[in-house]
Amino acid sequence: MSLTRFLLAWRTIPLRDREVVDALVDPRHAGPSPDLAQALASWRGSYYWSDEPDGRHLVLTHPTAPRSGERWVVHALLFALTLFTTTLGGAVLSGAVSVDAAMTLGAWNAAFVGHWSSGLTFSLPLLGILLCHELGHYLTARRYHLDVSPPYFLPGPPAPIGIGTLGAFIRLRTILTDRRQLFDVGAAGPFAGFVVALPVLWIGLMLSRPIDSAAYGMQVWFRDGQYWHLGDSIVTRLVRYLALGHSPSVILHPTAVAGWFGMFVTALNLMPMAQLDGGHILYAAAPRRHEWIGRGFWAALMVLGLYSNQWFVWGFLVLALSRGRLGHPPVLDAYRPLPSSRQWLAWASLALFLATFAPAPFGT
């Protein structure tokens, strides 16, 4: 059934991977009417409504070209390698493998493999959090028929140098239609990751061991005497109180460490600057204010670096990845208004950032 009889005007925007139709709907059918609802049910693609000053619009999308071929072998190998390195990191965190053994390839024998597998209590929940974060982005992008890659996982050095991974990312290979799409794709990842990280943190803290110690907070000890002190955010402090009561100090179970890093990754991604998830949300909600708010936040991060120097590293890494520019690339139609529901979610995103942000994340 043709949609044109329900429309007053429309424009078609052909893109490399899809065709977008911006249509002003006849007020008699903008409810939508039963006839229009029936016609939309047979539309081969996705659509959503947009209330604008001149009336109610339909934004319709349908794919016009096959998706880019995926290198599934690369994705699988990167995931397998990241699973190995994060499990090795978890084995070090649990004390089953010493730091020296983890760093010495000659020590990796049959007995080592048995100890290595104890790190799955860290790696599986951590990769589950990262996977859900990236799938939030990926599935939302696919719902809008955007050309996007599956997640790439990045292996990294195990503890105590790192945690076995440098994170994960997806590649968006097309321009976004409007700020609504940008907001939805950007916000879906942190919220999805947080939903998984919260029960992981709770379960891990229930498995952790409170101790009598003058050192306040969450600690991770290694067999060679090294240790981490992990700083609190509002969420980690609250969950720690609910799980363990007033205990001032706790030796963390590897699963709790995974949950803590899930919260840390959520906060990092929600920082309102550049092209981080928080930057996408900020641009979608307030495009004219994005750059100066981002610059102000980056300056504040540098000041915070005087208190906890890890923020110097993160601030300059973001600056390097954004090629010295803290702005944001435009979307196809920046003038289409953001729905009020997304404005509320933007405030919720800010609240989630503040709740998961740890001013001093690492200590020794």
Protein backbone atom coordinates (compact mmCIF):
# COMPACT_ATOMS: atom_id res chain seq x y z
CA MET A 1 0.00 0.00 0.00
CA SER A 2 1.41 3.39 -0.98
CA LEU A 3 2.03 5.92 1.77
CA THR A 4 1.92 9.02 -0.41
CA ARG A 5 -1.85 9.54 -0.05
CA PHE A 6 -1.34 10.12 3.69
CA LEU A 7 1.34 12.76 3.21
CA LEU A 8 1.37 16.48 2.50
CA ALA A 9 5.03 16.62 1.44
CA TRP A 10 8.13 14.50 1.59
CA ARG A 11 11.77 14.39 0.61
CA THR A 12 13.88 11.35 -0.13
CA ILE A 13 17.53 11.22 0.91
CA PRO A 14 19.53 8.46 -0.80
CA LEU A 15 22.57 7.27 1.18
CA ARG A 16 25.18 4.61 0.48
CA ASP A 17 23.50 1.95 2.61
CA ARG A 18 19.88 3.10 2.95
CA GLU A 19 17.22 5.53 1.80
CA VAL A 20 15.65 7.96 4.26
CA VAL A 21 12.25 9.57 3.67
CA ASP A 22 11.28 12.63 5.72
CA ALA A 23 7.51 12.95 5.31
CA LEU A 24 5.06 15.57 6.63
CA VAL A 25 1.87 13.66 7.46
CA ASP A 26 -1.61 14.96 6.65
CA PRO A 27 -3.09 16.04 10.04
CA ARG A 28 -6.12 13.83 9.37
CA HIS A 29 -3.86 10.78 9.50
CA ALA A 30 -1.24 11.93 12.03
CA GLY A 31 -2.80 9.94 14.88
CA PRO A 32 -1.98 7.69 13.07
CA SER A 33 -5.25 6.82 11.41
CA PRO A 34 -6.16 3.12 11.05
CA ASP A 35 -5.45 3.27 7.31
CA LEU A 36 -2.00 4.77 7.85
CA ALA A 37 -1.24 2.27 10.61
CA GLN A 38 -2.13 -0.55 8.22
CA ALA A 39 0.10 0.92 5.50
CA LEU A 40 3.01 1.29 7.92
CA ALA A 41 2.65 -2.35 8.93
CA SER A 42 3.71 -3.33 5.41
CA TRP A 43 6.61 -0.85 5.23
CA ARG A 44 9.86 -2.70 4.47
CA GLY A 45 12.13 -0.94 6.91
CA SER A 46 11.93 1.09 10.10
CA TYR A 47 10.14 4.31 10.94
CA TYR A 48 9.51 6.70 13.81
CA TRP A 49 7.50 9.85 14.44
CA SER A 50 8.87 13.35 14.94
CA ASP A 51 6.72 16.24 16.25
CA GLU A 52 8.02 19.41 14.60
CA PRO A 53 6.83 23.04 14.34
CA ASP A 54 5.14 22.49 10.96
CA GLY A 55 3.34 19.29 11.97
CA ARG A 56 3.91 15.62 12.60
CA HIS A 57 6.61 13.93 10.52
CA LEU A 58 7.36 10.33 9.71
CA VAL A 59 11.02 9.40 9.29
CA LEU A 60 11.12 6.22 7.23
CA THR A 61 14.19 4.16 6.43
CA HIS A 62 14.76 1.11 4.32
CA PRO A 63 18.05 -0.51 3.33
CA THR A 64 19.07 -0.22 -0.31
CA ALA A 65 22.37 -2.12 -0.35
CA PRO A 66 23.71 -5.28 1.27
CA ARG A 67 25.65 -4.76 4.48
CA SER A 68 29.42 -4.65 4.39
CA GLY A 69 31.03 -8.07 4.59
CA GLU A 70 32.18 -8.92 8.11
CA ARG A 71 35.54 -10.47 8.94
CA TRP A 72 34.11 -12.92 11.45
CA VAL A 73 37.41 -14.76 11.81
CA VAL A 74 39.06 -11.54 13.01
CA HIS A 75 36.27 -10.88 15.51
CA ALA A 76 36.44 -14.46 16.82
CA LEU A 77 40.24 -14.46 17.15
CA LEU A 78 40.28 -11.13 18.97
CA PHE A 79 37.57 -12.34 21.35
CA ALA A 80 39.41 -15.62 22.02
CA LEU A 81 42.69 -13.82 22.65
CA THR A 82 40.96 -11.33 24.96
CA LEU A 83 39.30 -14.20 26.83
CA PHE A 84 42.75 -15.74 27.36
CA THR A 85 44.41 -12.55 28.58
CA THR A 86 41.53 -11.51 30.86
CA THR A 87 41.39 -15.03 32.33
CA LEU A 88 45.14 -14.85 32.94
CA GLY A 89 44.58 -11.49 34.62
CA GLY A 90 41.81 -13.04 36.73
CA ALA A 91 44.10 -15.88 37.81
CA VAL A 92 46.63 -13.32 39.01
CA LEU A 93 43.90 -11.37 40.80
CA SER A 94 42.72 -14.52 42.59
CA GLY A 95 46.27 -15.44 43.65
CA ALA A 96 46.22 -18.74 41.75
CA VAL A 97 49.03 -17.54 39.45
CA SER A 98 51.94 -15.35 40.50
CA VAL A 99 52.82 -12.18 38.61
CA ASP A 100 56.15 -13.70 37.53
CA ALA A 101 54.49 -16.88 36.19
CA ALA A 102 51.94 -14.85 34.26
CA MET A 103 54.71 -12.83 32.59
CA THR A 104 56.98 -15.82 31.81
CA LEU A 105 55.97 -17.84 28.75
CA GLY A 106 58.27 -20.69 29.80
CA ALA A 107 56.16 -21.23 32.92
CA TRP A 108 53.02 -21.92 30.91
CA ASN A 109 52.77 -25.72 31.26
CA ALA A 110 49.95 -28.17 31.93
CA ALA A 111 49.78 -27.26 35.62
CA PHE A 112 49.67 -23.59 34.70
CA VAL A 113 46.56 -24.17 32.56
CA GLY A 114 44.69 -25.53 35.56
CA HIS A 115 45.54 -22.46 37.63
CA TRP A 116 44.83 -20.18 34.68
CA SER A 117 41.22 -21.42 34.44
CA SER A 118 40.51 -20.09 37.95
CA GLY A 119 40.56 -16.63 36.36
CA LEU A 120 37.26 -17.32 34.59
CA THR A 121 35.49 -15.88 37.66
CA PHE A 122 36.90 -12.54 36.52
CA SER A 123 37.04 -12.81 32.74
CA LEU A 124 33.54 -14.13 32.04
CA PRO A 125 31.66 -11.43 33.99
CA LEU A 126 33.99 -8.71 32.68
CA LEU A 127 33.60 -9.75 29.04
CA GLY A 128 29.87 -10.15 29.63
CA ILE A 129 29.69 -6.51 30.73
CA LEU A 130 31.75 -5.31 27.76
CA LEU A 131 29.76 -7.47 25.33
CA CYS A 132 26.42 -6.14 26.58
CA HIS A 133 27.75 -2.58 26.36
CA GLU A 134 28.76 -3.03 22.73
CA LEU A 135 25.63 -4.99 21.84
CA GLY A 136 23.59 -2.09 23.17
CA HIS A 137 25.25 0.11 20.54
CA TYR A 138 25.16 -2.58 17.85
CA LEU A 139 21.52 -3.69 18.18
CA THR A 140 20.26 -0.11 18.40
CA ALA A 141 22.20 0.80 15.26
CA ARG A 142 20.80 -2.23 13.45
CA ARG A 143 17.26 -1.27 14.51
CA TYR A 144 17.79 1.94 12.53
CA HIS A 145 19.29 -0.01 9.60
CA LEU A 146 22.72 1.56 10.08
CA ASP A 147 25.80 -0.15 8.67
CA VAL A 148 27.76 -1.12 11.79
CA SER A 149 30.37 -3.74 12.59
CA PRO A 150 30.11 -6.39 15.31
CA PRO A 151 32.25 -5.70 18.41
CA TYR A 152 36.03 -5.79 18.20
CA PHE A 153 37.60 -6.92 21.50
CA LEU A 154 41.10 -5.70 22.31
CA PRO A 155 43.44 -7.89 24.39
CA GLY A 156 45.80 -6.21 26.81
CA PRO A 157 48.41 -6.96 29.48
CA PRO A 158 47.21 -8.94 32.52
CA ALA A 159 47.30 -7.75 36.14
CA PRO A 160 48.97 -5.96 37.77
CA ILE A 161 49.92 -3.97 34.64
CA GLY A 162 46.38 -4.07 33.27
CA ILE A 163 43.29 -6.29 33.39
CA GLY A 164 43.87 -8.31 30.22
CA THR A 165 41.88 -6.08 27.88
CA LEU A 166 41.88 -2.56 26.48
CA GLY A 167 38.11 -2.73 26.00
CA ALA A 168 35.94 -3.22 22.93
CA PHE A 169 34.42 -1.09 20.20
CA ILE A 170 32.18 -1.17 17.14
CA ARG A 171 32.67 0.67 13.84
CA LEU A 172 29.82 2.78 12.52
CA ARG A 173 30.33 2.86 8.75
CA THR A 174 27.65 5.37 7.79
CA ILE A 175 26.32 8.80 8.71
CA LEU A 176 23.47 8.99 11.21
CA THR A 177 20.18 10.48 10.08
CA ASP A 178 19.44 12.78 13.01
CA ARG A 179 20.14 13.50 16.68
CA ARG A 180 17.58 10.95 17.86
CA GLN A 181 19.53 8.14 16.22
CA LEU A 182 22.80 9.48 17.61
CA PHE A 183 21.33 9.69 21.10
CA ASP A 184 19.84 6.20 21.02
CA VAL A 185 22.98 4.52 19.68
CA GLY A 186 25.23 6.44 22.08
CA ALA A 187 23.16 5.92 25.24
CA ALA A 188 22.26 2.26 24.69
CA GLY A 189 25.79 1.00 25.40
CA PRO A 190 26.42 2.52 28.87
CA PHE A 191 22.92 1.69 30.11
CA ALA A 192 23.15 -1.92 28.87
CA GLY A 193 26.60 -2.37 30.41
CA PHE A 194 25.48 -0.86 33.72
CA VAL A 195 22.48 -3.19 33.97
CA VAL A 196 24.89 -6.16 33.83
CA ALA A 197 27.68 -4.60 35.92
CA LEU A 198 25.40 -3.88 38.88
CA PRO A 199 24.49 -7.51 39.74
CA VAL A 200 28.06 -8.60 38.94
CA LEU A 201 29.34 -6.07 41.50
CA TRP A 202 26.77 -7.20 44.07
CA ILE A 203 27.57 -10.91 43.65
CA GLY A 204 31.30 -10.23 43.72
CA LEU A 205 31.08 -8.19 46.92
CA MET A 206 29.05 -10.94 48.58
CA LEU A 207 31.98 -13.27 47.73
CA SER A 208 34.58 -10.79 48.99
CA ARG A 209 36.31 -10.83 52.39
CA PRO A 210 35.97 -7.98 54.88
CA ILE A 211 39.15 -7.39 56.89
CA ASP A 212 40.35 -5.33 59.82
CA SER A 213 42.72 -2.85 58.28
CA ALA A 214 43.72 0.76 58.74
CA ALA A 215 43.50 1.13 54.93
CA TYR A 216 39.95 2.15 54.05
CA GLY A 217 38.20 0.84 50.95
CA MET A 218 38.52 -1.93 48.37
CA GLN A 219 41.80 -3.76 47.95
CA VAL A 220 43.21 -6.37 45.58
CA TRP A 221 46.33 -8.23 46.74
CA PHE A 222 48.78 -10.16 44.56
CA ARG A 223 51.02 -13.06 45.56
CA ASP A 224 54.22 -11.02 45.25
CA GLY A 225 53.00 -8.41 47.75
CA GLN A 226 51.77 -5.82 45.26
CA TYR A 227 48.24 -4.54 45.69
CA TRP A 228 45.64 -2.24 44.18
CA HIS A 229 43.43 0.15 46.05
CA LEU A 230 40.24 0.77 44.06
CA GLY A 231 38.41 4.01 44.73
CA ASP A 232 34.70 4.33 45.38
CA SER A 233 31.98 5.87 43.27
CA ILE A 234 28.52 6.52 44.68
CA VAL A 235 27.30 3.21 43.25
CA THR A 236 30.20 1.08 44.50
CA ARG A 237 30.03 2.65 47.97
CA LEU A 238 26.28 2.05 48.20
CA VAL A 239 26.44 -1.53 46.93
CA ARG A 240 29.38 -2.25 49.26
CA TYR A 241 27.37 -0.98 52.22
CA LEU A 242 24.31 -3.06 51.25
CA ALA A 243 26.39 -6.21 50.72
CA LEU A 244 28.88 -5.93 53.59
CA GLY A 245 27.51 -3.39 56.03
CA HIS A 246 29.84 -0.94 57.72
CA SER A 247 33.05 -2.90 57.08
CA PRO A 248 35.63 -0.21 56.23
CA SER A 249 37.98 -2.46 54.25
CA VAL A 250 37.52 -5.47 51.97
CA ILE A 251 39.68 -7.82 49.91
CA LEU A 252 37.83 -8.07 46.61
CA HIS A 253 36.86 -11.31 44.92
CA PRO A 254 37.79 -11.31 41.18
CA THR A 255 34.09 -11.08 40.26
CA ALA A 256 33.80 -7.91 42.35
CA VAL A 257 36.83 -6.50 40.51
CA ALA A 258 35.02 -7.22 37.22
CA GLY A 259 31.93 -5.39 38.50
CA TRP A 260 34.05 -2.44 39.66
CA PHE A 261 35.68 -2.15 36.23
CA GLY A 262 32.21 -2.36 34.66
CA MET A 263 31.24 0.74 36.63
CA PHE A 264 34.53 2.42 35.76
CA VAL A 265 34.05 1.77 32.03
CA THR A 266 30.50 3.14 32.27
CA ALA A 267 31.79 6.39 33.79
CA LEU A 268 34.63 6.72 31.27
CA ASN A 269 32.28 6.33 28.34
CA LEU A 270 29.70 8.76 29.73
CA MET A 271 32.16 11.65 30.02
CA PRO A 272 30.53 14.55 28.13
CA MET A 273 33.22 15.34 25.60
CA ALA A 274 34.54 14.51 22.14
CA GLN A 275 33.09 11.33 20.61
CA LEU A 276 32.74 9.32 23.79
CA ASP A 277 29.24 7.99 24.42
CA GLY A 278 28.65 10.95 26.72
CA GLY A 279 29.82 13.24 23.93
CA HIS A 280 27.28 11.68 21.55
CA ILE A 281 24.53 12.20 24.14
CA LEU A 282 25.60 15.80 24.77
CA TYR A 283 25.70 16.64 21.04
CA ALA A 284 22.28 15.06 20.53
CA ALA A 285 20.78 17.02 23.43
CA ALA A 286 22.61 20.35 22.97
CA PRO A 287 24.61 20.51 19.71
CA ARG A 288 25.51 24.20 20.03
CA ARG A 289 26.91 23.71 23.53
CA HIS A 290 28.76 20.47 22.88
CA GLU A 291 32.20 21.84 22.13
CA TRP A 292 32.48 24.42 24.92
CA ILE A 293 31.04 22.02 27.52
CA GLY A 294 33.47 19.36 26.31
CA ARG A 295 36.41 21.76 26.57
CA GLY A 296 35.33 22.82 30.04
CA PHE A 297 35.00 19.22 31.16
CA TRP A 298 38.43 18.36 29.73
CA ALA A 299 39.93 21.29 31.66
CA ALA A 300 38.21 20.08 34.83
CA LEU A 301 39.64 16.61 34.22
CA MET A 302 43.13 18.10 34.05
CA VAL A 303 42.56 19.82 37.39
CA LEU A 304 41.34 16.53 38.84
CA GLY A 305 44.56 14.98 37.53
CA LEU A 306 46.42 16.95 40.21
CA TYR A 307 44.53 14.83 42.72
CA SER A 308 44.66 11.53 40.82
CA ASN A 309 47.16 11.52 37.95
CA GLN A 310 45.36 8.74 36.03
CA TRP A 311 43.08 11.47 34.68
CA PHE A 312 46.03 13.09 32.90
CA VAL A 313 46.48 9.84 30.95
CA TRP A 314 42.81 9.54 30.06
CA GLY A 315 42.46 13.23 29.16
CA PHE A 316 45.41 13.20 26.76
CA LEU A 317 44.31 9.85 25.29
CA VAL A 318 40.90 11.32 24.45
CA LEU A 319 42.62 14.37 22.98
CA ALA A 320 44.88 12.17 20.84
CA LEU A 321 42.00 9.97 19.62
CA SER A 322 39.99 13.08 18.68
CA ARG A 323 43.03 14.55 16.88
CA GLY A 324 43.15 17.54 19.17
CA ARG A 325 39.52 18.50 18.55
CA LEU A 326 36.87 18.02 21.22
CA GLY A 327 34.01 18.78 18.82
CA HIS A 328 31.59 16.33 17.19
CA PRO A 329 30.90 15.52 13.51
CA PRO A 330 27.41 16.54 12.32
CA VAL A 331 24.48 14.27 11.68
CA LEU A 332 22.52 14.40 8.44
CA ASP A 333 19.65 16.50 9.83
CA ALA A 334 20.81 18.37 12.95
CA TYR A 335 17.68 20.56 13.01
CA ARG A 336 15.15 17.81 13.68
CA PRO A 337 14.21 18.24 17.35
CA LEU A 338 15.13 15.63 19.93
CA PRO A 339 12.01 14.04 21.48
CA SER A 340 11.26 15.08 25.05
CA SER A 341 11.70 11.47 26.17
CA ARG A 342 15.37 11.67 25.10
CA GLN A 343 15.81 14.96 26.94
CA TRP A 344 14.85 13.18 30.14
CA LEU A 345 17.16 10.30 29.30
CA ALA A 346 19.98 12.80 28.76
CA TRP A 347 19.57 13.92 32.38
CA ALA A 348 19.43 10.26 33.42
CA SER A 349 22.72 9.70 31.57
CA LEU A 350 24.30 12.57 33.48
CA ALA A 351 23.03 11.11 36.75
CA LEU A 352 24.45 7.70 35.82
CA PHE A 353 27.82 9.29 35.06
CA LEU A 354 27.92 11.07 38.41
CA ALA A 355 26.86 7.90 40.22
CA THR A 356 29.56 5.72 38.63
CA PHE A 357 32.41 8.24 38.57
CA ALA A 358 35.26 7.54 41.01
CA PRO A 359 37.35 10.71 41.58
CA ALA A 360 40.41 8.64 42.58
CA PRO A 361 39.96 5.27 40.85
CA PHE A 362 43.38 3.73 41.53
CA GLY A 363 45.80 3.83 44.40
CA THR A 364 48.66 1.77 45.78
